[in-house]
């Protein structure tokens, strides 16, 4: 029984270790939006995310037009790095208008 418990706890810790980065990306994207775009755009990250569906955000990102869409929605924003765009995409995808999620603090 002790051996099973140790294996189970080890599996839980390993899963938590590997699952954490997938959840952190949307949070990092929210922080990037708040820091780089909130005042320049004049609206919250929640409003930005609700401008498209998850499928539309995914299309922009995969087609390589995500940066252009960001500048279209917020023309006064500074261009972001590719790493920042990945996190921002995760945030916008997570809170898109068809996601059922609402970013309350951003």
C-alpha atoms as a PDB file:
ATOM      1  CA  UNK A   1       0.000   0.000   0.000  1.00  0.00           C
ATOM      2  CA  UNK A   2       2.824   2.402   0.840  1.00  0.00           C
ATOM      3  CA  UNK A   3       4.523   1.665  -2.480  1.00  0.00           C
ATOM      4  CA  UNK A   4       1.281   2.365  -4.371  1.00  0.00           C
ATOM      5  CA  UNK A   5       0.802   5.636  -2.477  1.00  0.00           C
ATOM      6  CA  UNK A   6       4.342   6.755  -3.285  1.00  0.00           C
ATOM      7  CA  UNK A   7       3.900   5.925  -6.977  1.00  0.00           C
ATOM      8  CA  UNK A   8       0.545   7.731  -7.052  1.00  0.00           C
ATOM      9  CA  UNK A   9       1.958  10.841  -5.368  1.00  0.00           C
ATOM     10  CA  UNK A  10       4.936  10.806  -7.706  1.00  0.00           C
ATOM     11  CA  UNK A  11       2.623  10.630 -10.721  1.00  0.00           C
ATOM     12  CA  UNK A  12       0.550  13.547  -9.389  1.00  0.00           C
ATOM     13  CA  UNK A  13       3.647  15.672  -8.851  1.00  0.00           C
ATOM     14  CA  UNK A  14       4.969  14.822 -12.331  1.00  0.00           C
ATOM     15  CA  UNK A  15       1.624  15.669 -13.944  1.00  0.00           C
ATOM     16  CA  UNK A  16       1.457  18.951 -12.052  1.00  0.00           C
ATOM     17  CA  UNK A  17       5.007  19.797 -13.081  1.00  0.00           C
ATOM     18  CA  UNK A  18       4.334  19.250 -16.800  1.00  0.00           C
ATOM     19  CA  UNK A  19       0.805  20.694 -16.845  1.00  0.00           C
ATOM     20  CA  UNK A  20       1.723  24.015 -15.225  1.00  0.00           C
ATOM     21  CA  UNK A  21       3.361  25.650 -18.286  1.00  0.00           C
ATOM     22  CA  UNK A  22       0.235  25.081 -20.381  1.00  0.00           C
ATOM     23  CA  UNK A  23      -1.802  27.080 -17.880  1.00  0.00           C
ATOM     24  CA  UNK A  24       0.802  29.787 -17.390  1.00  0.00           C
ATOM     25  CA  UNK A  25       0.789  30.942 -21.020  1.00  0.00           C
ATOM     26  CA  UNK A  26      -2.648  32.598 -20.858  1.00  0.00           C
ATOM     27  CA  UNK A  27      -1.631  34.322 -17.641  1.00  0.00           C
ATOM     28  CA  UNK A  28       1.578  35.569 -19.216  1.00  0.00           C
ATOM     29  CA  UNK A  29      -0.426  36.769 -22.225  1.00  0.00           C
ATOM     30  CA  UNK A  30      -2.742  38.688 -19.914  1.00  0.00           C
ATOM     31  CA  UNK A  31       0.254  40.311 -18.260  1.00  0.00           C
ATOM     32  CA  UNK A  32       1.692  41.248 -21.662  1.00  0.00           C
ATOM     33  CA  UNK A  33      -1.618  42.772 -22.743  1.00  0.00           C
ATOM     34  CA  UNK A  34      -1.909  44.691 -19.490  1.00  0.00           C
ATOM     35  CA  UNK A  35       1.653  45.985 -19.686  1.00  0.00           C
ATOM     36  CA  UNK A  36       2.021  46.671 -23.419  1.00  0.00           C
ATOM     37  CA  UNK A  37      -1.448  47.263 -24.835  1.00  0.00           C
ATOM     38  CA  UNK A  38      -4.064  48.177 -22.238  1.00  0.00           C
ATOM     39  CA  UNK A  39      -3.535  51.930 -22.152  1.00  0.00           C
ATOM     40  CA  UNK A  40      -2.641  52.189 -25.841  1.00  0.00           C
ATOM     41  CA  UNK A  41      -5.705  50.251 -27.019  1.00  0.00           C
ATOM     42  CA  UNK A  42      -8.110  51.917 -24.614  1.00  0.00           C
ATOM     43  CA  UNK A  43      -9.988  48.720 -23.765  1.00  0.00           C
ATOM     44  CA  UNK A  44      -9.434  45.650 -21.647  1.00  0.00           C
ATOM     45  CA  UNK A  45      -7.977  42.331 -22.683  1.00  0.00           C
ATOM     46  CA  UNK A  46     -11.399  40.788 -22.224  1.00  0.00           C
ATOM     47  CA  UNK A  47     -12.843  43.192 -24.810  1.00  0.00           C
ATOM     48  CA  UNK A  48      -9.947  42.385 -27.160  1.00  0.00           C
ATOM     49  CA  UNK A  49     -10.414  38.631 -26.747  1.00  0.00           C
ATOM     50  CA  UNK A  50     -14.152  38.864 -27.419  1.00  0.00           C
ATOM     51  CA  UNK A  51     -13.560  40.439 -30.834  1.00  0.00           C
ATOM     52  CA  UNK A  52     -13.060  36.973 -32.369  1.00  0.00           C
ATOM     53  CA  UNK A  53     -13.936  33.322 -31.836  1.00  0.00           C
ATOM     54  CA  UNK A  54     -11.344  30.737 -30.866  1.00  0.00           C
ATOM     55  CA  UNK A  55     -11.316  29.445 -34.421  1.00  0.00           C
ATOM     56  CA  UNK A  56     -10.673  32.947 -35.800  1.00  0.00           C
ATOM     57  CA  UNK A  57      -7.836  33.612 -33.338  1.00  0.00           C
ATOM     58  CA  UNK A  58      -6.349  30.240 -34.238  1.00  0.00           C
ATOM     59  CA  UNK A  59      -6.618  31.011 -37.951  1.00  0.00           C
ATOM     60  CA  UNK A  60      -4.804  34.352 -37.537  1.00  0.00           C
ATOM     61  CA  UNK A  61      -2.037  32.727 -35.504  1.00  0.00           C
ATOM     62  CA  UNK A  62      -1.505  29.733 -37.791  1.00  0.00           C
ATOM     63  CA  UNK A  63      -1.709  31.834 -40.973  1.00  0.00           C
ATOM     64  CA  UNK A  64       0.956  34.210 -39.653  1.00  0.00           C
ATOM     65  CA  UNK A  65      -1.393  37.212 -39.698  1.00  0.00           C
ATOM     66  CA  UNK A  66      -1.804  37.466 -35.919  1.00  0.00           C
ATOM     67  CA  UNK A  67       0.588  40.405 -35.586  1.00  0.00           C
ATOM     68  CA  UNK A  68      -1.246  42.273 -38.381  1.00  0.00           C
ATOM     69  CA  UNK A  69      -4.597  41.608 -36.680  1.00  0.00           C
ATOM     70  CA  UNK A  70      -3.245  42.984 -33.413  1.00  0.00           C
ATOM     71  CA  UNK A  71      -2.158  46.166 -35.184  1.00  0.00           C
ATOM     72  CA  UNK A  72      -5.519  46.403 -36.951  1.00  0.00           C
ATOM     73  CA  UNK A  73      -7.427  46.184 -33.658  1.00  0.00           C
ATOM     74  CA  UNK A  74      -4.974  48.392 -31.802  1.00  0.00           C
ATOM     75  CA  UNK A  75      -3.071  50.527 -34.336  1.00  0.00           C
ATOM     76  CA  UNK A  76      -1.105  52.544 -31.763  1.00  0.00           C
ATOM     77  CA  UNK A  77       0.429  49.476 -30.110  1.00  0.00           C
ATOM     78  CA  UNK A  78       4.115  48.737 -30.429  1.00  0.00           C
ATOM     79  CA  UNK A  79       4.985  45.583 -32.380  1.00  0.00           C
ATOM     80  CA  UNK A  80       5.499  42.634 -30.050  1.00  0.00           C
ATOM     81  CA  UNK A  81       8.159  39.948 -30.142  1.00  0.00           C
ATOM     82  CA  UNK A  82       7.285  36.485 -31.437  1.00  0.00           C
ATOM     83  CA  UNK A  83       7.533  35.056 -27.911  1.00  0.00           C
ATOM     84  CA  UNK A  84       5.112  37.698 -26.618  1.00  0.00           C
ATOM     85  CA  UNK A  85       2.732  36.994 -29.486  1.00  0.00           C
ATOM     86  CA  UNK A  86       2.569  33.302 -28.522  1.00  0.00           C
ATOM     87  CA  UNK A  87       1.522  34.150 -24.971  1.00  0.00           C
ATOM     88  CA  UNK A  88      -0.875  36.853 -26.140  1.00  0.00           C
ATOM     89  CA  UNK A  89      -2.436  34.370 -28.557  1.00  0.00           C
ATOM     90  CA  UNK A  90      -2.935  31.855 -25.732  1.00  0.00           C
ATOM     91  CA  UNK A  91      -4.644  34.554 -23.664  1.00  0.00           C
ATOM     92  CA  UNK A  92      -6.926  35.741 -26.473  1.00  0.00           C
ATOM     93  CA  UNK A  93      -7.778  32.179 -27.503  1.00  0.00           C
ATOM     94  CA  UNK A  94      -8.614  31.214 -23.912  1.00  0.00           C
ATOM     95  CA  UNK A  95     -10.979  34.191 -23.483  1.00  0.00           C
ATOM     96  CA  UNK A  96     -12.430  34.353 -27.034  1.00  0.00           C
ATOM     97  CA  UNK A  97     -16.115  35.180 -27.432  1.00  0.00           C
ATOM     98  CA  UNK A  98     -17.148  31.538 -27.834  1.00  0.00           C
ATOM     99  CA  UNK A  99     -14.941  30.174 -25.038  1.00  0.00           C
ATOM    100  CA  UNK A 100     -17.338  30.775 -22.158  1.00  0.00           C
ATOM    101  CA  UNK A 101     -14.471  32.336 -20.198  1.00  0.00           C
ATOM    102  CA  UNK A 102     -14.307  35.933 -19.000  1.00  0.00           C
ATOM    103  CA  UNK A 103     -11.101  37.721 -18.044  1.00  0.00           C
ATOM    104  CA  UNK A 104     -12.340  39.689 -15.040  1.00  0.00           C
ATOM    105  CA  UNK A 105      -9.093  41.335 -13.953  1.00  0.00           C
ATOM    106  CA  UNK A 106      -7.745  42.450 -17.294  1.00  0.00           C
END
